[in-house]
Protein backbone atom coordinates (compact mmCIF):
# COMPACT_ATOMS: atom_id res chain seq x y z
CA MET A 1 -13.16 -5.38 180.14
CA ALA A 2 -15.27 -2.77 182.22
CA LYS A 3 -12.46 0.00 184.05
CA ASN A 4 -13.05 -0.05 187.61
CA LYS A 5 -13.73 3.21 189.65
CA GLU A 6 -10.21 3.87 190.81
CA SER A 7 -8.64 4.34 186.86
CA ARG A 8 -11.08 6.72 185.83
CA ARG A 9 -10.02 9.32 188.83
CA PRO A 10 -7.89 12.17 188.28
CA ARG A 11 -4.56 11.53 189.10
CA PHE A 12 -3.05 14.56 191.58
CA ARG A 13 0.67 15.33 190.14
CA GLY A 14 1.34 18.31 192.07
CA ARG A 15 0.44 22.12 193.40
CA LYS A 16 2.42 25.11 193.11
CA GLY A 17 1.31 28.26 194.87
CA ASN A 18 -2.52 28.18 193.70
CA THR A 19 -2.59 25.99 190.69
CA LEU A 20 -3.13 21.95 191.03
CA GLN A 21 -1.85 19.79 188.55
CA ILE A 22 -3.95 16.77 186.98
CA ALA A 23 -3.62 13.69 184.80
CA ASP A 24 -6.73 12.09 183.83
CA SER A 25 -6.83 8.50 183.10
CA HIS A 26 -5.74 8.78 179.82
CA GLY A 27 -2.60 10.43 180.94
CA HIS A 28 -3.60 14.01 179.63
CA ARG A 29 -2.07 16.59 182.42
CA SER A 30 -3.72 19.72 182.89
CA THR A 31 -3.82 22.48 185.21
CA THR A 32 -6.47 24.60 187.31
CA PRO A 33 -6.58 27.39 189.35
CA LEU A 34 -7.54 26.40 193.00
CA VAL A 35 -10.60 28.68 194.05
CA PRO A 36 -12.03 28.82 197.75
CA LEU A 37 -15.43 27.33 198.04
CA GLU A 38 -18.31 29.36 199.30
CA ASP A 39 -18.57 30.40 202.90
CA GLU A 40 -21.85 28.10 203.32
CA LEU A 41 -21.75 27.41 207.39
CA THR A 42 -25.08 26.15 207.86
CA LYS A 43 -27.37 23.10 206.77
CA GLU A 44 -31.13 23.08 207.07
CA ASP A 45 -33.21 20.10 208.07
CA GLY A 46 -36.91 21.06 208.09
CA SER A 47 -37.28 24.35 210.01
CA PHE A 48 -33.72 23.93 211.65
CA ALA A 49 -30.42 24.87 211.09
CA PHE A 50 -26.78 23.10 212.05
CA GLY A 51 -23.65 25.05 212.13
CA TYR A 52 -21.38 22.39 210.20
CA CYS A 53 -17.81 22.15 209.72
CA LYS A 54 -16.67 20.70 206.11
CA SER A 55 -13.02 20.07 207.23
CA CYS A 56 -13.91 17.86 210.28
CA ASP A 57 -17.65 17.21 210.01
CA TRP A 58 -18.39 18.79 213.14
CA THR A 59 -21.69 19.73 213.20
CA GLY A 60 -23.24 22.10 215.53
CA ARG A 61 -26.75 22.20 217.66
CA ALA A 62 -30.14 22.57 215.82
CA ARG A 63 -31.18 25.94 215.52
CA ARG A 64 -34.23 27.90 215.21
CA SER A 65 -32.03 31.27 214.43
CA ARG A 66 -29.78 30.78 211.42
CA ASP A 67 -28.00 33.50 212.53
CA LYS A 68 -27.12 31.49 215.62
CA ALA A 69 -26.23 28.64 213.87
CA ARG A 70 -23.25 30.47 211.88
CA GLU A 71 -22.27 32.07 215.10
CA ASP A 72 -21.84 28.52 216.42
CA ALA A 73 -19.98 27.60 213.23
CA ARG A 74 -17.89 30.70 213.41
CA GLY A 75 -16.93 29.72 217.21
CA HIS A 76 -16.17 26.12 215.80
CA ARG A 77 -13.88 27.30 212.75
CA ALA A 78 -11.92 29.50 215.46
CA ASP A 79 -10.95 25.96 217.48
CA CYS A 80 -10.76 23.52 214.49
CA GLY A 81 -7.87 23.22 212.78
CA GLY A 82 -8.82 22.03 209.51
CA LYS A 83 -6.79 18.89 209.41
CA GLY A 84 -9.73 16.64 208.31
CA LYS A 85 -11.20 15.92 205.06
CA VAL A 86 -10.18 18.00 202.00
CA MET A 87 -13.23 19.25 199.38
CA LEU A 88 -11.99 19.27 195.74
CA GLY A 89 -14.59 20.28 193.05
CA ALA A 90 -13.85 20.27 189.49
CA THR A 91 -15.56 22.17 186.79
CA ASP A 92 -15.04 20.77 182.83
CA HIS A 93 -14.27 23.53 180.41
CA ARG A 94 -14.18 21.76 177.23
């Protein structure tokens, strides 16, 4: 019988400071340090740049200037509580 997608996901066991504790689908526990993602404030679509927020999926106005799109995103970041989605990335160091 094939495992469903839910059973293959890591289980988050806890967090202490900047260390995250997880368990894989077999119950093996490991810890990993949390590191901030790069500060990407814009996305591009063709010749236009958009400011965006990873936390709440806010998207700014289409701009030809990347600098203006970044300014829009910085302005939004000051108002955003950051209580939306949390993005986690994992790297396998076997």
